């Protein structure tokens, strides 16, 4: 009874396109983006030092690193219960180089790759697929799904043998 009314209330049914565009104002079209992700189990002091060193080199005020917690029900399931197997991760990390200037595309890409290379030795294999770029290769995607990749490839062979749905992080049909 004593609480003030919220400034905004996003609770309720929303069409999918509305959800997908909620943050468009923060990141207008034309931005240069490059990101890399990892699953993270621990953050030892050496990893924190590497993060601080790389963050100090950020190419723009829009570039970032986020850690999203992975806990609760996610960790109570087995690695083979769903396609995603990285149940022992504590966080999902994304490093994103972002800048509005097309001339800085190479700079944000280089910064993101260097940051990732500096911290990756402390992290688990694989990453949340939406935090991966097309140039990371099949081995990286296979590390993301671990032993479940073969099962996913078999499903892909059954339902999409011609690999019609192949953009982004593509699971190829089993041979």
N, C-alpha and C. Protein backbone atom coordinates (compact mmCIF):
# COMPACT_ATOMS: atom_id res chain seq x y z
N UNK A 1 0.83 -1.20 0.00
CA UNK A 1 0.00 0.00 0.00
C UNK A 1 0.86 1.25 0.00
N UNK A 2 2.03 1.21 0.64
CA UNK A 2 2.86 2.39 0.73
C UNK A 2 3.87 2.54 -0.40
N UNK A 3 3.85 1.61 -1.35
CA UNK A 3 4.81 1.69 -2.45
C UNK A 3 4.33 2.65 -3.53
N UNK A 4 5.25 3.39 -4.14
CA UNK A 4 4.85 4.29 -5.23
C UNK A 4 4.54 3.49 -6.49
N UNK A 5 3.83 4.08 -7.41
CA UNK A 5 3.56 3.47 -8.70
C UNK A 5 4.87 3.36 -9.47
N UNK A 6 5.06 2.28 -10.22
CA UNK A 6 6.31 2.16 -11.00
C UNK A 6 6.36 3.21 -12.12
N UNK A 7 7.58 3.58 -12.49
CA UNK A 7 7.75 4.53 -13.60
C UNK A 7 7.27 3.91 -14.91
N UNK A 8 7.48 2.60 -15.05
CA UNK A 8 6.99 1.88 -16.21
C UNK A 8 6.69 0.45 -15.79
N UNK A 9 5.80 -0.19 -16.51
CA UNK A 9 5.42 -1.56 -16.21
C UNK A 9 5.41 -2.33 -17.52
N UNK A 10 6.38 -3.22 -17.68
CA UNK A 10 6.49 -3.99 -18.91
C UNK A 10 5.84 -5.37 -18.77
N UNK A 11 5.10 -5.57 -17.72
CA UNK A 11 4.45 -6.86 -17.52
C UNK A 11 3.23 -6.97 -18.43
N UNK A 12 3.08 -8.12 -19.04
CA UNK A 12 1.92 -8.34 -19.89
C UNK A 12 2.33 -8.99 -21.20
N UNK A 13 1.37 -9.33 -21.98
CA UNK A 13 1.61 -9.96 -23.28
C UNK A 13 2.17 -8.94 -24.25
N UNK A 14 3.22 -9.34 -24.95
CA UNK A 14 3.83 -8.46 -25.95
C UNK A 14 4.07 -9.25 -27.21
N UNK A 15 3.84 -8.64 -28.37
CA UNK A 15 4.19 -9.33 -29.62
C UNK A 15 5.70 -9.50 -29.71
N UNK A 16 6.13 -10.59 -30.32
CA UNK A 16 7.55 -10.89 -30.44
C UNK A 16 8.35 -9.73 -31.03
N UNK A 17 7.90 -9.10 -32.12
CA UNK A 17 8.67 -7.98 -32.67
C UNK A 17 8.86 -6.83 -31.65
N UNK A 18 7.91 -6.63 -30.78
CA UNK A 18 8.05 -5.57 -29.76
C UNK A 18 9.15 -5.94 -28.77
N UNK A 19 9.19 -7.19 -28.37
CA UNK A 19 10.24 -7.64 -27.45
C UNK A 19 11.61 -7.49 -28.11
N UNK A 20 11.69 -7.90 -29.38
CA UNK A 20 12.96 -7.86 -30.10
C UNK A 20 13.45 -6.44 -30.32
N UNK A 21 12.59 -5.45 -30.29
CA UNK A 21 13.00 -4.07 -30.57
C UNK A 21 13.08 -3.20 -29.32
N UNK A 22 12.94 -3.78 -28.14
CA UNK A 22 12.90 -2.99 -26.91
C UNK A 22 14.15 -2.13 -26.70
N UNK A 23 15.30 -2.61 -27.13
CA UNK A 23 16.53 -1.88 -26.88
C UNK A 23 17.09 -1.19 -28.14
N UNK A 24 16.29 -1.12 -29.18
CA UNK A 24 16.75 -0.50 -30.43
C UNK A 24 17.22 0.94 -30.23
N UNK A 25 16.58 1.67 -29.34
CA UNK A 25 16.98 3.04 -29.10
C UNK A 25 18.37 3.18 -28.52
N UNK A 26 18.80 2.16 -27.77
CA UNK A 26 20.14 2.19 -27.19
C UNK A 26 21.22 1.87 -28.21
N UNK A 27 20.86 1.06 -29.20
CA UNK A 27 21.82 0.62 -30.22
C UNK A 27 21.23 0.83 -31.60
N UNK A 28 21.27 2.06 -32.11
CA UNK A 28 20.67 2.33 -33.41
C UNK A 28 21.38 1.60 -34.55
N UNK A 29 20.69 1.51 -35.68
CA UNK A 29 21.25 0.86 -36.87
C UNK A 29 22.56 1.54 -37.27
N UNK A 30 23.43 0.76 -37.85
CA UNK A 30 24.69 1.28 -38.34
C UNK A 30 25.85 1.11 -37.39
N UNK A 31 25.58 0.60 -36.19
CA UNK A 31 26.67 0.40 -35.22
C UNK A 31 27.58 -0.72 -35.71
N UNK A 32 28.85 -0.59 -35.40
CA UNK A 32 29.83 -1.62 -35.68
C UNK A 32 29.89 -2.52 -34.45
N UNK A 33 29.70 -3.82 -34.63
CA UNK A 33 29.66 -4.77 -33.53
C UNK A 33 30.61 -5.93 -33.79
N UNK A 34 31.28 -6.37 -32.78
CA UNK A 34 31.97 -7.66 -32.82
C UNK A 34 31.97 -8.18 -31.40
N UNK A 35 31.56 -9.45 -31.22
CA UNK A 35 31.53 -9.98 -29.87
C UNK A 35 32.08 -11.38 -29.81
N UNK A 36 32.47 -11.75 -28.61
CA UNK A 36 32.94 -13.10 -28.31
C UNK A 36 32.42 -13.44 -26.92
N UNK A 37 32.15 -14.70 -26.71
CA UNK A 37 31.66 -15.15 -25.41
C UNK A 37 32.42 -16.35 -24.91
N UNK A 38 32.18 -16.66 -23.66
CA UNK A 38 32.74 -17.84 -23.02
C UNK A 38 31.84 -18.23 -21.85
N UNK A 39 31.92 -19.48 -21.46
CA UNK A 39 31.35 -19.91 -20.20
C UNK A 39 32.46 -19.80 -19.16
N UNK A 40 32.12 -19.29 -18.00
CA UNK A 40 33.09 -19.02 -16.95
C UNK A 40 32.68 -19.79 -15.70
N UNK A 41 33.63 -20.50 -15.10
CA UNK A 41 33.34 -21.22 -13.85
C UNK A 41 33.86 -20.44 -12.65
N UNK A 42 35.08 -19.94 -12.73
CA UNK A 42 35.67 -19.19 -11.62
C UNK A 42 36.34 -17.93 -12.14
N UNK A 43 36.57 -17.01 -11.25
CA UNK A 43 37.29 -15.78 -11.58
C UNK A 43 38.48 -15.63 -10.63
N UNK A 44 39.57 -16.37 -10.92
CA UNK A 44 40.75 -16.22 -10.07
C UNK A 44 41.35 -14.82 -10.23
N UNK A 45 42.19 -14.44 -9.32
CA UNK A 45 42.79 -13.11 -9.34
C UNK A 45 43.46 -12.81 -10.68
N UNK A 46 44.15 -13.79 -11.25
CA UNK A 46 44.83 -13.57 -12.53
C UNK A 46 43.82 -13.26 -13.65
N UNK A 47 42.65 -13.89 -13.61
CA UNK A 47 41.61 -13.60 -14.60
C UNK A 47 41.08 -12.18 -14.42
N UNK A 48 40.85 -11.79 -13.18
CA UNK A 48 40.37 -10.43 -12.91
C UNK A 48 41.39 -9.41 -13.37
N UNK A 49 42.67 -9.68 -13.13
CA UNK A 49 43.73 -8.78 -13.61
C UNK A 49 43.69 -8.66 -15.13
N UNK A 50 43.50 -9.79 -15.83
CA UNK A 50 43.42 -9.77 -17.29
C UNK A 50 42.20 -8.97 -17.75
N UNK A 51 41.06 -9.14 -17.10
CA UNK A 51 39.87 -8.36 -17.43
C UNK A 51 40.13 -6.86 -17.26
N UNK A 52 40.72 -6.49 -16.16
CA UNK A 52 40.98 -5.06 -15.91
C UNK A 52 41.95 -4.48 -16.93
N UNK A 53 42.98 -5.25 -17.27
CA UNK A 53 43.96 -4.79 -18.26
C UNK A 53 43.29 -4.57 -19.62
N UNK A 54 42.45 -5.50 -20.04
CA UNK A 54 41.79 -5.38 -21.34
C UNK A 54 40.72 -4.29 -21.34
N UNK A 55 39.97 -4.19 -20.26
CA UNK A 55 38.91 -3.17 -20.17
C UNK A 55 39.51 -1.77 -20.25
N UNK A 56 40.72 -1.59 -19.76
CA UNK A 56 41.38 -0.29 -19.81
C UNK A 56 41.71 0.13 -21.24
N UNK A 57 41.69 -0.82 -22.17
CA UNK A 57 42.02 -0.55 -23.56
C UNK A 57 40.78 -0.39 -24.43
N UNK A 58 39.61 -0.26 -23.84
CA UNK A 58 38.36 -0.22 -24.61
C UNK A 58 38.42 0.82 -25.72
N UNK A 59 37.96 0.48 -26.92
CA UNK A 59 38.05 1.41 -28.04
C UNK A 59 36.93 2.44 -28.07
N UNK A 60 35.89 2.26 -27.27
CA UNK A 60 34.79 3.22 -27.25
C UNK A 60 34.01 3.07 -25.95
N UNK A 61 33.26 4.10 -25.62
CA UNK A 61 32.45 4.05 -24.39
C UNK A 61 31.29 3.06 -24.50
N UNK A 62 30.99 2.58 -25.69
CA UNK A 62 29.92 1.60 -25.87
C UNK A 62 30.40 0.16 -25.72
N UNK A 63 31.70 -0.07 -25.85
CA UNK A 63 32.24 -1.43 -25.75
C UNK A 63 32.11 -1.92 -24.32
N UNK A 64 31.96 -3.25 -24.16
CA UNK A 64 31.61 -3.76 -22.84
C UNK A 64 32.01 -5.21 -22.63
N UNK A 65 31.89 -5.63 -21.36
CA UNK A 65 31.96 -7.04 -20.98
C UNK A 65 30.87 -7.23 -19.95
N UNK A 66 30.05 -8.25 -20.14
CA UNK A 66 29.00 -8.60 -19.18
C UNK A 66 29.21 -10.04 -18.73
N UNK A 67 28.88 -10.28 -17.46
CA UNK A 67 28.80 -11.64 -16.93
C UNK A 67 27.36 -11.88 -16.51
N UNK A 68 26.73 -12.88 -17.09
CA UNK A 68 25.36 -13.24 -16.75
C UNK A 68 25.39 -14.49 -15.88
N UNK A 69 24.75 -14.46 -14.71
CA UNK A 69 24.81 -15.63 -13.82
C UNK A 69 24.10 -16.85 -14.39
N UNK A 70 24.69 -18.00 -14.13
CA UNK A 70 24.10 -19.29 -14.47
C UNK A 70 24.02 -20.06 -13.15
N UNK A 71 22.82 -20.27 -12.66
CA UNK A 71 22.69 -20.97 -11.38
C UNK A 71 21.29 -21.57 -11.23
N UNK A 72 20.97 -21.99 -10.05
CA UNK A 72 19.64 -22.51 -9.75
C UNK A 72 19.30 -23.76 -10.53
N UNK A 73 18.12 -23.76 -11.14
CA UNK A 73 17.60 -24.94 -11.86
C UNK A 73 18.53 -25.37 -12.98
N UNK A 74 19.23 -24.44 -13.59
CA UNK A 74 20.15 -24.78 -14.68
C UNK A 74 21.18 -25.79 -14.20
N UNK A 75 21.70 -25.60 -13.00
CA UNK A 75 22.76 -26.47 -12.50
C UNK A 75 22.22 -27.75 -11.87
N UNK A 76 20.92 -27.84 -11.69
CA UNK A 76 20.33 -29.07 -11.14
C UNK A 76 20.02 -30.11 -12.21
N UNK A 77 20.16 -29.75 -13.47
CA UNK A 77 19.89 -30.67 -14.57
C UNK A 77 21.19 -31.32 -15.02
N UNK A 78 21.08 -32.50 -15.61
CA UNK A 78 22.25 -33.19 -16.12
C UNK A 78 22.71 -32.64 -17.46
N UNK A 79 23.97 -32.87 -17.79
CA UNK A 79 24.54 -32.37 -19.04
C UNK A 79 23.84 -32.92 -20.27
N UNK A 80 23.27 -34.10 -20.18
CA UNK A 80 22.61 -34.70 -21.33
C UNK A 80 21.10 -34.51 -21.34
N UNK A 81 20.56 -33.78 -20.36
CA UNK A 81 19.11 -33.61 -20.28
C UNK A 81 18.54 -32.70 -21.37
N UNK A 82 19.33 -31.78 -21.85
CA UNK A 82 18.93 -30.86 -22.91
C UNK A 82 20.11 -30.71 -23.86
N UNK A 83 19.94 -29.96 -24.92
CA UNK A 83 21.04 -29.76 -25.87
C UNK A 83 22.23 -29.06 -25.22
N UNK A 84 21.96 -28.14 -24.34
CA UNK A 84 23.02 -27.36 -23.69
C UNK A 84 23.63 -28.18 -22.57
N UNK A 85 24.93 -28.35 -22.57
CA UNK A 85 25.56 -29.24 -21.60
C UNK A 85 26.43 -28.56 -20.56
N UNK A 86 26.66 -27.28 -20.65
CA UNK A 86 27.63 -26.60 -19.77
C UNK A 86 26.99 -26.23 -18.43
N UNK A 87 26.58 -27.26 -17.70
CA UNK A 87 25.87 -27.06 -16.43
C UNK A 87 26.78 -26.67 -15.28
N UNK A 88 28.09 -26.76 -15.45
CA UNK A 88 29.00 -26.41 -14.37
C UNK A 88 29.51 -24.97 -14.47
N UNK A 89 29.04 -24.22 -15.44
CA UNK A 89 29.43 -22.81 -15.55
C UNK A 89 28.74 -22.00 -14.46
N UNK A 90 29.39 -20.94 -14.04
CA UNK A 90 28.84 -20.01 -13.06
C UNK A 90 28.31 -18.76 -13.76
N UNK A 91 28.95 -18.41 -14.89
CA UNK A 91 28.53 -17.23 -15.65
C UNK A 91 28.63 -17.50 -17.15
N UNK A 92 27.87 -16.74 -17.91
CA UNK A 92 28.03 -16.65 -19.35
C UNK A 92 28.58 -15.25 -19.60
N UNK A 93 29.72 -15.18 -20.24
CA UNK A 93 30.40 -13.90 -20.47
C UNK A 93 30.25 -13.49 -21.93
N UNK A 94 30.06 -12.20 -22.14
CA UNK A 94 30.12 -11.65 -23.49
C UNK A 94 31.03 -10.42 -23.45
N UNK A 95 31.89 -10.33 -24.44
CA UNK A 95 32.73 -9.15 -24.66
C UNK A 95 32.26 -8.58 -25.98
N UNK A 96 31.90 -7.30 -26.00
CA UNK A 96 31.37 -6.70 -27.23
C UNK A 96 32.10 -5.40 -27.52
N UNK A 97 32.75 -5.37 -28.67
CA UNK A 97 33.32 -4.12 -29.18
C UNK A 97 32.24 -3.44 -30.01
N UNK A 98 31.91 -2.20 -29.66
CA UNK A 98 30.80 -1.49 -30.31
C UNK A 98 31.23 -0.05 -30.58
N UNK A 99 30.92 0.44 -31.78
CA UNK A 99 31.21 1.84 -32.12
C UNK A 99 30.33 2.26 -33.29
N UNK A 100 29.87 3.51 -33.30
CA UNK A 100 29.02 3.95 -34.41
C UNK A 100 29.80 4.25 -35.70
N UNK A 101 31.11 4.42 -35.61
CA UNK A 101 31.92 4.83 -36.75
C UNK A 101 32.37 3.62 -37.58
N UNK A 102 31.91 3.50 -38.83
CA UNK A 102 32.32 2.36 -39.66
C UNK A 102 33.83 2.24 -39.81
N UNK A 103 34.55 3.35 -39.69
CA UNK A 103 36.02 3.30 -39.79
C UNK A 103 36.65 2.57 -38.61
N UNK A 104 35.89 2.38 -37.53
CA UNK A 104 36.43 1.72 -36.35
C UNK A 104 36.05 0.24 -36.26
N UNK A 105 35.48 -0.30 -37.33
CA UNK A 105 35.08 -1.72 -37.32
C UNK A 105 36.28 -2.61 -37.00
N UNK A 106 37.39 -2.39 -37.65
CA UNK A 106 38.59 -3.18 -37.39
C UNK A 106 39.10 -3.01 -35.97
N UNK A 107 39.01 -1.81 -35.45
CA UNK A 107 39.48 -1.53 -34.09
C UNK A 107 38.66 -2.27 -33.05
N UNK A 108 37.32 -2.23 -33.18
CA UNK A 108 36.48 -2.93 -32.19
C UNK A 108 36.64 -4.44 -32.32
N UNK A 109 36.84 -4.93 -33.53
CA UNK A 109 37.05 -6.37 -33.72
C UNK A 109 38.36 -6.80 -33.08
N UNK A 110 39.42 -6.06 -33.33
CA UNK A 110 40.73 -6.40 -32.77
C UNK A 110 40.70 -6.35 -31.24
N UNK A 111 40.07 -5.32 -30.67
CA UNK A 111 39.99 -5.20 -29.21
C UNK A 111 39.25 -6.39 -28.63
N UNK A 112 38.11 -6.75 -29.22
CA UNK A 112 37.32 -7.86 -28.71
C UNK A 112 38.10 -9.17 -28.76
N UNK A 113 38.76 -9.43 -29.88
CA UNK A 113 39.54 -10.66 -30.00
C UNK A 113 40.69 -10.69 -29.00
N UNK A 114 41.39 -9.57 -28.84
CA UNK A 114 42.51 -9.52 -27.90
C UNK A 114 42.02 -9.71 -26.46
N UNK A 115 40.91 -9.09 -26.12
CA UNK A 115 40.33 -9.24 -24.78
C UNK A 115 40.00 -10.71 -24.55
N UNK A 116 39.28 -11.31 -25.50
CA UNK A 116 38.88 -12.71 -25.37
C UNK A 116 40.11 -13.62 -25.24
N UNK A 117 41.12 -13.40 -26.07
CA UNK A 117 42.32 -14.23 -26.02
C UNK A 117 43.03 -14.11 -24.67
N UNK A 118 42.95 -12.94 -24.05
CA UNK A 118 43.59 -12.73 -22.75
C UNK A 118 42.86 -13.45 -21.62
N UNK A 119 41.54 -13.54 -21.70
CA UNK A 119 40.78 -14.14 -20.59
C UNK A 119 40.36 -15.59 -20.85
N UNK A 120 40.33 -16.01 -22.10
CA UNK A 120 39.86 -17.36 -22.43
C UNK A 120 40.61 -18.47 -21.71
N UNK A 121 41.91 -18.37 -21.49
CA UNK A 121 42.60 -19.46 -20.78
C UNK A 121 42.03 -19.75 -19.38
N UNK A 122 41.32 -18.81 -18.79
CA UNK A 122 40.73 -19.00 -17.47
C UNK A 122 39.31 -19.58 -17.54
N UNK A 123 38.75 -19.69 -18.75
CA UNK A 123 37.34 -20.02 -18.93
C UNK A 123 37.14 -21.46 -19.39
N UNK A 124 35.88 -21.88 -19.41
CA UNK A 124 35.50 -23.19 -19.92
C UNK A 124 35.43 -23.14 -21.45
N UNK A 125 35.37 -24.32 -22.07
CA UNK A 125 35.19 -24.36 -23.52
C UNK A 125 33.75 -24.01 -23.86
N UNK A 126 33.56 -23.44 -25.01
CA UNK A 126 32.22 -23.13 -25.49
C UNK A 126 31.69 -21.81 -24.96
N UNK A 127 30.55 -21.41 -25.53
CA UNK A 127 29.93 -20.14 -25.18
C UNK A 127 28.45 -20.19 -25.54
N UNK A 128 27.71 -19.25 -25.02
CA UNK A 128 26.32 -19.09 -25.43
C UNK A 128 26.34 -18.76 -26.92
N UNK A 129 25.66 -19.55 -27.78
CA UNK A 129 25.77 -19.34 -29.23
C UNK A 129 25.45 -17.93 -29.71
N UNK A 130 24.56 -17.21 -29.05
CA UNK A 130 24.26 -15.84 -29.47
C UNK A 130 25.43 -14.89 -29.20
N UNK A 131 26.41 -15.33 -28.42
CA UNK A 131 27.59 -14.51 -28.14
C UNK A 131 28.77 -14.95 -28.98
N UNK A 132 28.51 -15.69 -30.06
CA UNK A 132 29.57 -16.17 -30.93
C UNK A 132 29.43 -15.54 -32.31
N UNK A 133 30.55 -15.35 -32.97
CA UNK A 133 30.56 -14.80 -34.32
C UNK A 133 30.76 -15.94 -35.32
N UNK A 134 30.40 -15.67 -36.56
CA UNK A 134 30.48 -16.69 -37.61
C UNK A 134 31.91 -17.15 -37.88
N UNK A 135 32.90 -16.33 -37.56
CA UNK A 135 34.28 -16.68 -37.87
C UNK A 135 34.95 -17.55 -36.80
N UNK A 136 34.18 -18.05 -35.83
CA UNK A 136 34.78 -18.84 -34.75
C UNK A 136 34.95 -20.31 -35.09
N UNK A 137 34.23 -20.80 -36.09
CA UNK A 137 34.46 -22.15 -36.57
C UNK A 137 33.65 -23.23 -35.87
N UNK A 138 33.62 -24.40 -36.52
CA UNK A 138 32.85 -25.54 -36.04
C UNK A 138 33.36 -26.09 -34.71
N UNK A 139 34.66 -26.07 -34.50
CA UNK A 139 35.21 -26.63 -33.25
C UNK A 139 34.67 -25.88 -32.04
N UNK A 140 34.53 -24.60 -32.17
CA UNK A 140 34.02 -23.78 -31.06
C UNK A 140 32.55 -24.12 -30.78
N UNK A 141 31.77 -24.31 -31.83
CA UNK A 141 30.37 -24.67 -31.65
C UNK A 141 30.25 -26.07 -31.05
N UNK A 142 31.09 -26.99 -31.50
CA UNK A 142 31.07 -28.35 -30.94
C UNK A 142 31.46 -28.32 -29.46
N UNK A 143 32.38 -27.46 -29.08
CA UNK A 143 32.74 -27.32 -27.66
C UNK A 143 31.57 -26.79 -26.85
N UNK A 144 30.76 -25.95 -27.45
CA UNK A 144 29.59 -25.39 -26.77
C UNK A 144 28.59 -26.48 -26.38
N UNK A 145 28.37 -27.45 -27.26
CA UNK A 145 27.39 -28.51 -27.01
C UNK A 145 28.01 -29.78 -26.47
N UNK A 146 29.35 -29.90 -26.53
CA UNK A 146 30.03 -31.07 -25.99
C UNK A 146 29.50 -32.36 -26.58
N UNK A 147 29.27 -33.33 -25.70
CA UNK A 147 28.81 -34.65 -26.14
C UNK A 147 27.42 -34.61 -26.78
N UNK A 148 26.68 -33.54 -26.57
CA UNK A 148 25.33 -33.42 -27.14
C UNK A 148 25.35 -33.02 -28.61
N UNK A 149 26.49 -32.59 -29.14
CA UNK A 149 26.55 -32.14 -30.52
C UNK A 149 26.15 -33.26 -31.49
N UNK A 150 26.63 -34.46 -31.26
CA UNK A 150 26.31 -35.58 -32.16
C UNK A 150 24.80 -35.82 -32.19
N UNK A 151 24.16 -35.74 -31.04
CA UNK A 151 22.70 -35.93 -30.97
C UNK A 151 21.98 -34.83 -31.74
N UNK A 152 22.45 -33.59 -31.63
CA UNK A 152 21.86 -32.47 -32.36
C UNK A 152 22.06 -32.63 -33.87
N UNK A 153 23.24 -33.10 -34.26
CA UNK A 153 23.52 -33.32 -35.68
C UNK A 153 22.60 -34.41 -36.25
N UNK A 154 22.30 -35.42 -35.45
CA UNK A 154 21.38 -36.48 -35.90
C UNK A 154 19.97 -35.93 -36.09
N UNK A 155 19.53 -35.07 -35.17
CA UNK A 155 18.21 -34.44 -35.31
C UNK A 155 18.19 -33.55 -36.54
N UNK A 156 19.28 -32.82 -36.76
CA UNK A 156 19.37 -31.95 -37.93
C UNK A 156 19.30 -32.79 -39.21
N UNK A 157 19.97 -33.93 -39.23
CA UNK A 157 19.94 -34.80 -40.41
C UNK A 157 18.52 -35.29 -40.69
N UNK A 158 17.77 -35.58 -39.64
CA UNK A 158 16.41 -36.09 -39.81
C UNK A 158 15.46 -35.00 -40.30
N UNK A 159 15.53 -33.81 -39.72
CA UNK A 159 14.55 -32.77 -40.01
C UNK A 159 15.02 -31.70 -41.01
N UNK A 160 16.32 -31.58 -41.22
CA UNK A 160 16.85 -30.59 -42.16
C UNK A 160 18.08 -31.15 -42.87
N UNK A 161 17.91 -32.27 -43.60
CA UNK A 161 19.08 -32.92 -44.22
C UNK A 161 19.77 -32.06 -45.26
N UNK A 162 19.05 -31.12 -45.87
CA UNK A 162 19.68 -30.26 -46.88
C UNK A 162 20.30 -29.01 -46.25
N UNK A 163 20.21 -28.90 -44.94
CA UNK A 163 20.81 -27.78 -44.20
C UNK A 163 20.25 -26.43 -44.64
N UNK A 164 18.93 -26.39 -44.86
CA UNK A 164 18.27 -25.14 -45.23
C UNK A 164 18.45 -24.08 -44.15
N UNK A 165 18.29 -24.47 -42.89
CA UNK A 165 18.45 -23.53 -41.77
C UNK A 165 19.91 -23.54 -41.34
N UNK A 166 20.72 -22.68 -41.96
CA UNK A 166 22.16 -22.76 -41.79
C UNK A 166 22.83 -21.45 -41.39
N UNK A 167 22.08 -20.41 -41.10
CA UNK A 167 22.73 -19.16 -40.72
C UNK A 167 23.11 -19.20 -39.24
N UNK A 168 23.93 -18.26 -38.84
CA UNK A 168 24.42 -18.14 -37.47
C UNK A 168 25.26 -19.35 -37.10
N UNK A 169 25.08 -19.86 -35.91
CA UNK A 169 25.89 -20.98 -35.44
C UNK A 169 25.25 -22.29 -35.88
N UNK A 170 25.63 -22.73 -37.05
CA UNK A 170 24.99 -23.85 -37.73
C UNK A 170 25.47 -25.21 -37.21
N UNK A 171 24.52 -26.02 -36.81
CA UNK A 171 24.80 -27.42 -36.53
C UNK A 171 24.58 -28.15 -37.84
N UNK A 172 25.62 -28.77 -38.34
CA UNK A 172 25.53 -29.45 -39.63
C UNK A 172 24.91 -30.83 -39.45
N UNK A 173 24.13 -31.28 -40.46
CA UNK A 173 23.54 -32.62 -40.37
C UNK A 173 24.63 -33.69 -40.24
N UNK A 174 24.35 -34.72 -39.46
CA UNK A 174 25.30 -35.83 -39.31
C UNK A 174 25.52 -36.50 -40.66
N UNK A 175 26.76 -36.95 -40.90
CA UNK A 175 27.03 -37.60 -42.18
C UNK A 175 26.66 -39.05 -42.15
